[in-house]
Protein backbone atom coordinates (compact mmCIF):
# COMPACT_ATOMS: atom_id res chain seq x y z
CA MET A 1 -10.02 8.35 -8.45
CA GLU A 2 -9.56 8.28 -12.22
CA ASP A 3 -7.81 11.69 -12.16
CA ILE A 4 -5.38 10.52 -9.51
CA LEU A 5 -4.69 7.28 -11.37
CA GLU A 6 -3.97 9.29 -14.53
CA LEU A 7 -1.53 11.53 -12.64
CA LEU A 8 0.24 8.49 -11.20
CA GLN A 9 0.49 6.88 -14.64
CA GLU A 10 1.89 10.11 -16.12
CA ARG A 11 4.58 10.22 -13.42
CA ASN A 12 5.40 6.51 -13.64
CA GLN A 13 9.18 6.19 -13.81
CA LYS A 14 10.81 3.72 -16.15
CA VAL A 15 12.79 1.14 -14.21
CA PRO A 16 14.98 -1.76 -15.38
CA VAL A 17 12.60 -4.36 -13.93
CA PRO A 18 9.03 -3.04 -14.07
CA LEU A 19 6.47 -4.10 -11.48
CA ASP A 20 3.59 -6.37 -12.41
CA LEU A 21 -0.04 -5.75 -11.58
CA PRO A 22 -1.64 -8.49 -9.50
CA ASP A 23 -4.71 -10.40 -10.61
CA TYR A 24 -7.62 -11.43 -8.39
CA ASP A 25 -5.94 -14.73 -7.55
CA ASP A 26 -2.90 -12.84 -6.25
CA LEU A 27 -5.15 -10.77 -3.98
CA VAL A 28 -6.84 -13.91 -2.66
CA ASP A 29 -3.41 -15.42 -1.94
CA VAL A 30 -2.38 -12.28 -0.06
CA GLU A 31 -5.61 -12.24 1.98
CA GLU A 32 -5.05 -15.88 2.90
CA ALA A 33 -1.43 -15.16 3.87
CA ILE A 34 -2.29 -12.22 6.16
CA LEU A 35 -5.62 -13.69 7.36
CA ILE A 36 -7.43 -10.39 6.73
CA SER A 37 -9.73 -9.30 3.92
CA LEU A 38 -8.46 -6.30 1.99
CA PRO A 39 -10.87 -3.35 1.78
CA ASP A 40 -12.52 -3.14 -1.66
CA GLU A 41 -11.03 0.25 -2.50
CA TYR A 42 -7.56 -1.03 -1.61
CA LYS A 43 -8.08 -4.05 -3.87
CA GLN A 44 -8.96 -1.68 -6.72
CA PHE A 45 -5.84 0.38 -5.97
CA LEU A 46 -3.64 -2.74 -6.03
CA LEU A 47 -5.21 -3.99 -9.27
CA GLU A 48 -4.81 -0.65 -11.06
CA ALA A 49 -1.88 1.23 -9.55
CA SER A 50 0.53 -1.14 -7.81
CA ASP A 51 2.78 -1.39 -10.88
CA ILE A 52 3.56 2.34 -10.75
CA VAL A 53 6.95 3.62 -9.62
CA CYS A 54 6.58 7.24 -8.63
CA GLY A 55 8.42 9.50 -6.22
CA SER A 56 10.49 8.32 -3.29
CA ILE A 57 8.15 5.92 -1.51
CA GLU A 58 7.20 2.38 -2.48
CA PRO A 59 3.67 1.18 -1.73
CA ALA A 60 3.01 -2.49 -1.05
CA THR A 61 2.65 -4.89 -3.96
CA CYS A 62 0.93 -8.25 -4.38
CA ALA A 63 2.19 -9.77 -7.64
CA ASP A 64 5.77 -10.78 -6.80
CA PRO A 65 6.49 -12.68 -3.56
CA GLN A 66 10.22 -11.96 -4.05
CA SER A 67 9.73 -8.17 -3.95
CA HIS A 68 10.79 -6.22 -0.87
CA THR A 69 7.38 -4.51 -1.08
CA PHE A 70 5.37 -7.76 -1.04
CA LEU A 71 2.37 -7.06 1.21
CA PRO A 72 2.47 -10.22 3.38
CA ASP A 73 6.15 -9.60 4.22
CA MET A 74 5.52 -5.91 4.90
CA ALA A 75 2.58 -6.82 7.13
CA ALA A 76 4.67 -9.32 9.08
CA ARG A 77 7.35 -6.66 9.72
CA ALA A 78 4.77 -4.04 10.74
CA TRP A 79 2.86 -6.36 13.08
CA ASP A 80 6.09 -7.72 14.53
CA ILE A 81 7.15 -4.24 15.68
CA GLY A 82 3.78 -3.49 17.22
CA MET A 83 1.39 -2.10 14.63
CA PRO A 84 -2.13 -3.30 15.58
CA ARG A 85 -3.32 -6.29 13.53
CA GLU A 86 -6.51 -4.49 12.55
CA TYR A 87 -4.40 -2.27 10.29
CA ILE A 88 -2.87 -3.39 7.00
CA PRO A 89 0.35 -1.62 6.01
CA ILE A 90 0.24 -0.01 2.57
CA CYS A 91 3.69 1.59 2.58
CA GLU A 92 6.75 1.77 4.81
CA HIS A 93 7.66 5.16 6.24
CA GLU A 94 10.92 6.17 7.87
CA ASN A 95 9.21 6.29 11.29
CA GLY A 96 6.49 3.67 10.84
CA PHE A 97 3.95 2.59 8.25
CA TYR A 98 1.11 4.10 6.32
CA CYS A 99 -1.74 1.69 6.93
CA ILE A 100 -5.36 1.10 6.00
CA ALA A 101 -8.21 0.28 8.34
CA ASP A 102 -11.18 -1.91 7.40
CA THR A 103 -13.16 1.32 6.88
CA GLY A 104 -10.77 2.30 4.07
CA GLN A 105 -9.25 5.17 6.04
CA ILE A 106 -5.50 5.60 5.80
CA PHE A 107 -3.33 6.47 8.80
CA LEU A 108 0.33 7.03 9.50
CA TRP A 109 1.22 4.61 12.31
CA LEU A 110 4.46 5.57 14.04
CA PHE A 111 6.88 3.29 15.89
CA GLU A 112 5.94 5.00 19.18
CA ASP A 113 2.51 3.36 18.72
CA THR A 114 0.85 6.63 17.83
CA ILE A 115 -1.26 7.55 14.87
CA GLU A 116 -0.69 10.73 12.93
CA ASP A 117 -2.38 12.14 9.89
CA GLU A 118 -5.42 10.62 8.29
CA TRP A 119 -6.80 10.33 4.78
CA GLY A 120 -10.34 9.35 3.83
CA SER A 121 -9.28 6.92 1.13
CA ILE A 122 -6.30 5.28 -0.54
CA TRP A 123 -6.74 7.66 -3.47
CA ASP A 124 -6.59 10.74 -1.20
CA TRP A 125 -3.39 9.31 0.29
CA ALA A 126 -1.98 8.67 -3.20
CA LYS A 127 -2.67 12.28 -4.18
CA ASP A 128 -1.40 13.90 -0.98
CA VAL A 129 1.51 11.61 -0.10
CA TRP A 130 2.63 9.33 -2.93
CA LEU A 131 2.44 11.92 -5.72
CA GLU A 132 4.23 14.46 -3.52
CA SER A 133 7.06 12.14 -2.43
């Protein structure tokens, strides 16, 4: 995990308006908004890496409710188009959403209501997908 976080930080792109990291209160607010507890590993990811801008995809964020990547808004969009409520979206994809299950596994949920690809953890996904985008 630490190695992947270091790689992400090294590739962090400078942007005019940098993202903020959430604090624990922000995560509690998000959990209350989506009515689901976030898996512990995902909480750690959000607390340590959600301010990083890297590659061409934009993972969900929890610090700024005005952001287009704000997790409660992303979840509402994903669930509205049919993604099962037991999954939490972590990132939009051109054909669906990357999402996390309560077990911490990451999946690519597609609009056709199918699941493709699978990663054992958010950090595996970050290494294989986010860093390579």
